[in-house]
Amino acid sequence: MKNGTITLWGEKRYHSLDYYLKNTYHEKVYRIALNAGLSCPNRDGRLDTRGCIFCSAGGSGDFAASPTLSITEQLETEKRILRAKRNCNKFIAYFQAFTNTYGSVEHLRDLYMQAVNDPDVVIISIATRPDCLPDEVLSLLSRLKDEYPDKLIWIELGLQTIHEKTAERIHRGYRLEVFEAVSYTHLRAH
């Protein structure tokens, strides 16, 4: 930031996410990777037990805090670590490990509410699979968005390839049509 204005990093011709967040929140927003202790249908036997080949043993949440801690404890621990290194006040609660809409609506609401109730969290980012977004979960997310308009709620859908042969080879466990149906139909309705 120079003289009260934000300069585009690298003079990019587009608004990067970092640029958007700095303009929206007037400071850098830091992401905290969380592990909600959830599973995945590609690991628990509903679809498969091998998992996707691109997903580590930690469910791609290798940098997330321990699932033995509550979401509130994970946020507090990680904020303390980040603040020891930087002057930071605003955070993205990133539900990263495994499939973060794969559970009962009541359990998911409890997890998400811990992040929503943190005054330093401005964005809830939820990584999931398109085949794990039933209407009840989408309704929950929609209600949270309406009840807490000061918090952004992002859904990160995994789509590693559009090619079915590759999807089979990497054990993704859903077809392209599932991604398309959820992203074009359900998410727009909520």
C-alpha atoms as a PDB file:
ATOM      1  CA  MET A   1       0.000   0.000   0.000  1.00  0.00           C
ATOM      2  CA  LYS A   2       1.395   3.415  -0.981  1.00  0.00           C
ATOM      3  CA  ASN A   3      -0.127   6.733   0.100  1.00  0.00           C
ATOM      4  CA  GLY A   4      -3.431   5.089   1.036  1.00  0.00           C
ATOM      5  CA  THR A   5      -3.944   3.367  -2.323  1.00  0.00           C
ATOM      6  CA  ILE A   6      -3.353  -0.235  -3.148  1.00  0.00           C
ATOM      7  CA  THR A   7      -0.992  -0.916  -6.010  1.00  0.00           C
ATOM      8  CA  LEU A   8      -1.610  -3.907  -8.224  1.00  0.00           C
ATOM      9  CA  TRP A   9       1.074  -6.445  -7.429  1.00  0.00           C
ATOM     10  CA  GLY A  10       3.207  -6.860 -10.491  1.00  0.00           C
ATOM     11  CA  GLU A  11       0.960  -4.401 -12.356  1.00  0.00           C
ATOM     12  CA  LYS A  12      -1.371  -7.210 -13.372  1.00  0.00           C
ATOM     13  CA  ARG A  13      -4.126  -6.410 -15.852  1.00  0.00           C
ATOM     14  CA  TYR A  14      -6.636  -8.335 -13.760  1.00  0.00           C
ATOM     15  CA  HIS A  15      -7.808  -8.277 -10.175  1.00  0.00           C
ATOM     16  CA  SER A  16      -6.127 -11.108  -8.320  1.00  0.00           C
ATOM     17  CA  LEU A  17      -7.799 -12.660  -5.291  1.00  0.00           C
ATOM     18  CA  ASP A  18      -5.219 -10.940  -3.092  1.00  0.00           C
ATOM     19  CA  TYR A  19      -6.050  -7.584  -4.718  1.00  0.00           C
ATOM     20  CA  TYR A  20      -9.791  -8.169  -4.264  1.00  0.00           C
ATOM     21  CA  LEU A  21      -9.372  -9.102  -0.588  1.00  0.00           C
ATOM     22  CA  LYS A  22      -7.135  -6.113   0.158  1.00  0.00           C
ATOM     23  CA  ASN A  23      -9.622  -3.753  -1.479  1.00  0.00           C
ATOM     24  CA  THR A  24     -12.580  -5.357   0.263  1.00  0.00           C
ATOM     25  CA  TYR A  25     -11.087  -5.699   3.745  1.00  0.00           C
ATOM     26  CA  HIS A  26      -8.429  -2.951   3.544  1.00  0.00           C
ATOM     27  CA  GLU A  27      -5.664  -5.333   4.562  1.00  0.00           C
ATOM     28  CA  LYS A  28      -4.205  -8.699   3.665  1.00  0.00           C
ATOM     29  CA  VAL A  29      -6.466 -11.629   4.568  1.00  0.00           C
ATOM     30  CA  TYR A  30      -4.717 -14.832   5.669  1.00  0.00           C
ATOM     31  CA  ARG A  31      -6.030 -18.341   5.086  1.00  0.00           C
ATOM     32  CA  ILE A  32      -6.079 -20.852   7.919  1.00  0.00           C
ATOM     33  CA  ALA A  33      -6.281 -24.496   6.822  1.00  0.00           C
ATOM     34  CA  LEU A  34      -8.658 -26.490   9.027  1.00  0.00           C
ATOM     35  CA  ASN A  35      -9.253 -30.187   9.536  1.00  0.00           C
ATOM     36  CA  ALA A  36     -12.842 -30.885  10.584  1.00  0.00           C
ATOM     37  CA  GLY A  37     -12.171 -34.598  11.070  1.00  0.00           C
ATOM     38  CA  LEU A  38     -14.522 -35.545   8.236  1.00  0.00           C
ATOM     39  CA  SER A  39     -14.042 -38.366   5.767  1.00  0.00           C
ATOM     40  CA  CYS A  40     -14.695 -38.885   2.077  1.00  0.00           C
ATOM     41  CA  PRO A  41     -16.939 -41.322   0.174  1.00  0.00           C
ATOM     42  CA  ASN A  42     -13.881 -42.275  -1.812  1.00  0.00           C
ATOM     43  CA  ARG A  43     -12.166 -43.506   1.365  1.00  0.00           C
ATOM     44  CA  ASP A  44     -14.869 -44.759   3.713  1.00  0.00           C
ATOM     45  CA  GLY A  45     -16.184 -47.422   1.354  1.00  0.00           C
ATOM     46  CA  ARG A  46     -19.309 -45.682   0.058  1.00  0.00           C
ATOM     47  CA  LEU A  47     -17.623 -45.308  -3.356  1.00  0.00           C
ATOM     48  CA  ASP A  48     -14.168 -46.759  -2.773  1.00  0.00           C
ATOM     49  CA  THR A  49     -11.508 -47.163  -0.109  1.00  0.00           C
ATOM     50  CA  ARG A  50      -8.425 -46.161  -2.100  1.00  0.00           C
ATOM     51  CA  GLY A  51      -9.107 -42.425  -2.278  1.00  0.00           C
ATOM     52  CA  CYS A  52      -8.144 -40.272  -5.213  1.00  0.00           C
ATOM     53  CA  ILE A  53      -4.506 -40.562  -6.275  1.00  0.00           C
ATOM     54  CA  PHE A  54      -4.018 -36.783  -5.974  1.00  0.00           C
ATOM     55  CA  CYS A  55      -5.179 -36.729  -2.355  1.00  0.00           C
ATOM     56  CA  SER A  56      -2.601 -37.393   0.345  1.00  0.00           C
ATOM     57  CA  ALA A  57      -3.145 -39.561   3.415  1.00  0.00           C
ATOM     58  CA  GLY A  58      -4.235 -36.370   5.196  1.00  0.00           C
ATOM     59  CA  GLY A  59      -6.943 -35.715   2.641  1.00  0.00           C
ATOM     60  CA  SER A  60      -4.939 -32.877   1.075  1.00  0.00           C
ATOM     61  CA  GLY A  61      -5.059 -31.178   4.438  1.00  0.00           C
ATOM     62  CA  ASP A  62      -1.400 -31.769   5.249  1.00  0.00           C
ATOM     63  CA  PHE A  63      -0.983 -28.182   6.386  1.00  0.00           C
ATOM     64  CA  ALA A  64      -4.189 -28.117   8.399  1.00  0.00           C
ATOM     65  CA  ALA A  65      -4.225 -28.275  12.167  1.00  0.00           C
ATOM     66  CA  SER A  66      -4.931 -31.466  14.063  1.00  0.00           C
ATOM     67  CA  PRO A  67      -8.490 -32.815  13.850  1.00  0.00           C
ATOM     68  CA  THR A  68      -8.261 -33.610  17.564  1.00  0.00           C
ATOM     69  CA  LEU A  69      -8.729 -29.870  18.154  1.00  0.00           C
ATOM     70  CA  SER A  70     -12.088 -28.186  17.716  1.00  0.00           C
ATOM     71  CA  ILE A  71     -12.443 -25.705  14.859  1.00  0.00           C
ATOM     72  CA  THR A  72     -12.359 -22.910  17.438  1.00  0.00           C
ATOM     73  CA  GLU A  73      -9.100 -24.269  18.894  1.00  0.00           C
ATOM     74  CA  GLN A  74      -7.574 -24.716  15.441  1.00  0.00           C
ATOM     75  CA  LEU A  75      -8.422 -21.124  14.535  1.00  0.00           C
ATOM     76  CA  GLU A  76      -7.009 -19.733  17.786  1.00  0.00           C
ATOM     77  CA  THR A  77      -3.809 -21.774  17.510  1.00  0.00           C
ATOM     78  CA  GLU A  78      -3.164 -20.824  13.889  1.00  0.00           C
ATOM     79  CA  LYS A  79      -4.014 -17.153  14.456  1.00  0.00           C
ATOM     80  CA  ARG A  80      -1.492 -17.054  17.302  1.00  0.00           C
ATOM     81  CA  ILE A  81       1.197 -18.583  15.038  1.00  0.00           C
ATOM     82  CA  LEU A  82       0.465 -16.189  12.173  1.00  0.00           C
ATOM     83  CA  ARG A  83       0.339 -13.149  14.446  1.00  0.00           C
ATOM     84  CA  ALA A  84       3.743 -14.023  15.874  1.00  0.00           C
ATOM     85  CA  LYS A  85       5.137 -13.572  12.339  1.00  0.00           C
ATOM     86  CA  ARG A  86       2.908 -10.851  10.851  1.00  0.00           C
ATOM     87  CA  ASN A  87       0.511  -8.111  11.718  1.00  0.00           C
ATOM     88  CA  CYS A  88      -2.726  -9.808  10.650  1.00  0.00           C
ATOM     89  CA  ASN A  89      -6.316  -9.329  11.720  1.00  0.00           C
ATOM     90  CA  LYS A  90      -8.584 -10.982   9.161  1.00  0.00           C
ATOM     91  CA  PHE A  91      -8.746 -14.610   8.162  1.00  0.00           C
ATOM     92  CA  ILE A  92     -10.293 -17.168   5.828  1.00  0.00           C
ATOM     93  CA  ALA A  93     -11.411 -20.303   7.678  1.00  0.00           C
ATOM     94  CA  TYR A  94     -10.486 -22.877   5.042  1.00  0.00           C
ATOM     95  CA  PHE A  95     -12.108 -26.261   5.642  1.00  0.00           C
ATOM     96  CA  GLN A  96      -9.507 -28.113   3.612  1.00  0.00           C
ATOM     97  CA  ALA A  97      -8.936 -31.725   4.638  1.00  0.00           C
ATOM     98  CA  PHE A  98     -11.105 -34.390   2.988  1.00  0.00           C
ATOM     99  CA  THR A  99     -14.741 -33.639   2.024  1.00  0.00           C
ATOM    100  CA  ASN A 100     -16.127 -30.827   4.135  1.00  0.00           C
ATOM    101  CA  THR A 101     -19.803 -31.277   3.355  1.00  0.00           C
ATOM    102  CA  TYR A 102     -19.731 -35.010   4.064  1.00  0.00           C
ATOM    103  CA  GLY A 103     -21.606 -35.378   7.322  1.00  0.00           C
ATOM    104  CA  SER A 104     -24.946 -34.723   8.955  1.00  0.00           C
ATOM    105  CA  VAL A 105     -26.343 -31.226   8.572  1.00  0.00           C
ATOM    106  CA  GLU A 106     -26.345 -30.809  12.358  1.00  0.00           C
ATOM    107  CA  HIS A 107     -22.671 -31.734  12.647  1.00  0.00           C
ATOM    108  CA  LEU A 108     -21.703 -29.544   9.694  1.00  0.00           C
ATOM    109  CA  ARG A 109     -23.624 -26.596  11.150  1.00  0.00           C
ATOM    110  CA  ASP A 110     -21.720 -26.977  14.426  1.00  0.00           C
ATOM    111  CA  LEU A 111     -18.394 -27.008  12.578  1.00  0.00           C
ATOM    112  CA  TYR A 112     -19.213 -24.035  10.361  1.00  0.00           C
ATOM    113  CA  MET A 113     -20.678 -22.029  13.254  1.00  0.00           C
ATOM    114  CA  GLN A 114     -17.390 -22.244  15.124  1.00  0.00           C
ATOM    115  CA  ALA A 115     -15.785 -20.421  12.204  1.00  0.00           C
ATOM    116  CA  VAL A 116     -18.707 -18.032  11.691  1.00  0.00           C
ATOM    117  CA  ASN A 117     -18.580 -17.026  15.361  1.00  0.00           C
ATOM    118  CA  ASP A 118     -14.917 -16.075  15.201  1.00  0.00           C
ATOM    119  CA  PRO A 119     -14.885 -12.274  14.854  1.00  0.00           C
ATOM    120  CA  ASP A 120     -11.577 -12.360  12.944  1.00  0.00           C
ATOM    121  CA  VAL A 121     -12.892 -14.734  10.282  1.00  0.00           C
ATOM    122  CA  VAL A 122     -14.357 -12.871   7.300  1.00  0.00           C
ATOM    123  CA  ILE A 123     -14.651 -15.788   4.856  1.00  0.00           C
ATOM    124  CA  ILE A 124     -15.658 -19.424   5.292  1.00  0.00           C
ATOM    125  CA  SER A 125     -14.156 -21.497   2.474  1.00  0.00           C
ATOM    126  CA  ILE A 126     -15.361 -25.093   2.200  1.00  0.00           C
ATOM    127  CA  ALA A 127     -13.542 -27.624   0.018  1.00  0.00           C
ATOM    128  CA  THR A 128     -15.777 -30.474  -1.102  1.00  0.00           C
ATOM    129  CA  ARG A 129     -16.852 -32.790  -3.880  1.00  0.00           C
ATOM    130  CA  PRO A 130     -19.841 -32.049  -6.131  1.00  0.00           C
ATOM    131  CA  ASP A 131     -21.368 -35.429  -5.287  1.00  0.00           C
ATOM    132  CA  CYS A 132     -21.409 -34.436  -1.602  1.00  0.00           C
ATOM    133  CA  LEU A 133     -23.613 -31.368  -1.814  1.00  0.00           C
ATOM    134  CA  PRO A 134     -27.139 -32.582  -1.127  1.00  0.00           C
ATOM    135  CA  ASP A 135     -29.966 -30.047  -0.981  1.00  0.00           C
ATOM    136  CA  GLU A 136     -29.949 -30.085   2.850  1.00  0.00           C
ATOM    137  CA  VAL A 137     -26.320 -28.975   2.945  1.00  0.00           C
ATOM    138  CA  LEU A 138     -26.876 -26.324   0.286  1.00  0.00           C
ATOM    139  CA  SER A 139     -29.847 -25.058   2.287  1.00  0.00           C
ATOM    140  CA  LEU A 140     -27.673 -24.887   5.405  1.00  0.00           C
ATOM    141  CA  LEU A 141     -25.039 -22.861   3.565  1.00  0.00           C
ATOM    142  CA  SER A 142     -27.708 -20.596   2.116  1.00  0.00           C
ATOM    143  CA  ARG A 143     -29.171 -19.975   5.591  1.00  0.00           C
ATOM    144  CA  LEU A 144     -25.729 -19.177   6.981  1.00  0.00           C
ATOM    145  CA  LYS A 145     -25.171 -16.726   4.140  1.00  0.00           C
ATOM    146  CA  ASP A 146     -28.496 -15.026   4.946  1.00  0.00           C
ATOM    147  CA  GLU A 147     -28.027 -15.071   8.745  1.00  0.00           C
ATOM    148  CA  TYR A 148     -24.454 -13.763   8.599  1.00  0.00           C
ATOM    149  CA  PRO A 149     -24.245 -11.378   5.637  1.00  0.00           C
ATOM    150  CA  ASP A 150     -20.925  -9.996   6.890  1.00  0.00           C
ATOM    151  CA  LYS A 151     -19.280 -13.400   6.273  1.00  0.00           C
ATOM    152  CA  LEU A 152     -18.575 -14.637   2.773  1.00  0.00           C
ATOM    153  CA  ILE A 153     -19.172 -18.341   2.208  1.00  0.00           C
ATOM    154  CA  TRP A 154     -17.213 -19.989  -0.572  1.00  0.00           C
ATOM    155  CA  ILE A 155     -17.583 -23.513  -1.881  1.00  0.00           C
ATOM    156  CA  GLU A 156     -14.524 -24.990  -3.528  1.00  0.00           C
ATOM    157  CA  LEU A 157     -15.456 -27.860  -5.834  1.00  0.00           C
ATOM    158  CA  GLY A 158     -12.784 -30.283  -6.964  1.00  0.00           C
ATOM    159  CA  LEU A 159     -12.587 -30.855 -10.695  1.00  0.00           C
ATOM    160  CA  GLN A 160      -9.216 -32.262 -11.579  1.00  0.00           C
ATOM    161  CA  THR A 161     -10.066 -33.175 -15.167  1.00  0.00           C
ATOM    162  CA  ILE A 162     -12.920 -33.065 -17.671  1.00  0.00           C
ATOM    163  CA  HIS A 163     -11.756 -36.315 -19.253  1.00  0.00           C
ATOM    164  CA  GLU A 164     -13.548 -39.439 -18.044  1.00  0.00           C
ATOM    165  CA  LYS A 165     -10.620 -41.796 -18.690  1.00  0.00           C
ATOM    166  CA  THR A 166      -8.372 -39.617 -16.568  1.00  0.00           C
ATOM    167  CA  ALA A 167     -11.065 -39.337 -13.872  1.00  0.00           C
ATOM    168  CA  GLU A 168     -11.214 -43.138 -13.710  1.00  0.00           C
ATOM    169  CA  ARG A 169      -7.435 -43.435 -13.600  1.00  0.00           C
ATOM    170  CA  ILE A 170      -7.175 -40.995 -10.689  1.00  0.00           C
ATOM    171  CA  HIS A 171     -10.136 -42.650  -8.868  1.00  0.00           C
ATOM    172  CA  ARG A 172     -12.098 -39.389  -8.609  1.00  0.00           C
ATOM    173  CA  GLY A 173     -15.367 -41.234  -8.107  1.00  0.00           C
ATOM    174  CA  TYR A 174     -17.792 -38.987  -9.985  1.00  0.00           C
ATOM    175  CA  ARG A 175     -18.494 -38.125 -13.593  1.00  0.00           C
ATOM    176  CA  LEU A 176     -18.212 -34.679 -15.191  1.00  0.00           C
ATOM    177  CA  GLU A 177     -22.020 -34.458 -15.393  1.00  0.00           C
ATOM    178  CA  VAL A 178     -22.189 -34.438 -11.570  1.00  0.00           C
ATOM    179  CA  PHE A 179     -19.880 -31.431 -11.401  1.00  0.00           C
ATOM    180  CA  GLU A 180     -21.800 -29.649 -14.145  1.00  0.00           C
ATOM    181  CA  ALA A 181     -25.194 -30.303 -12.560  1.00  0.00           C
ATOM    182  CA  VAL A 182     -24.108 -28.998  -9.169  1.00  0.00           C
ATOM    183  CA  SER A 183     -22.135 -25.997 -10.364  1.00  0.00           C
ATOM    184  CA  TYR A 184     -24.644 -24.843 -12.968  1.00  0.00           C
ATOM    185  CA  THR A 185     -27.919 -25.740 -11.331  1.00  0.00           C
ATOM    186  CA  HIS A 186     -27.784 -26.130  -7.562  1.00  0.00           C
ATOM    187  CA  LEU A 187     -25.238 -23.500  -6.638  1.00  0.00           C
ATOM    188  CA  ARG A 188     -26.958 -20.828  -8.734  1.00  0.00           C
ATOM    189  CA  ALA A 189     -30.288 -21.587  -7.040  1.00  0.00           C
ATOM    190  CA  HIS A 190     -28.801 -21.017  -3.585  1.00  0.00           C
END
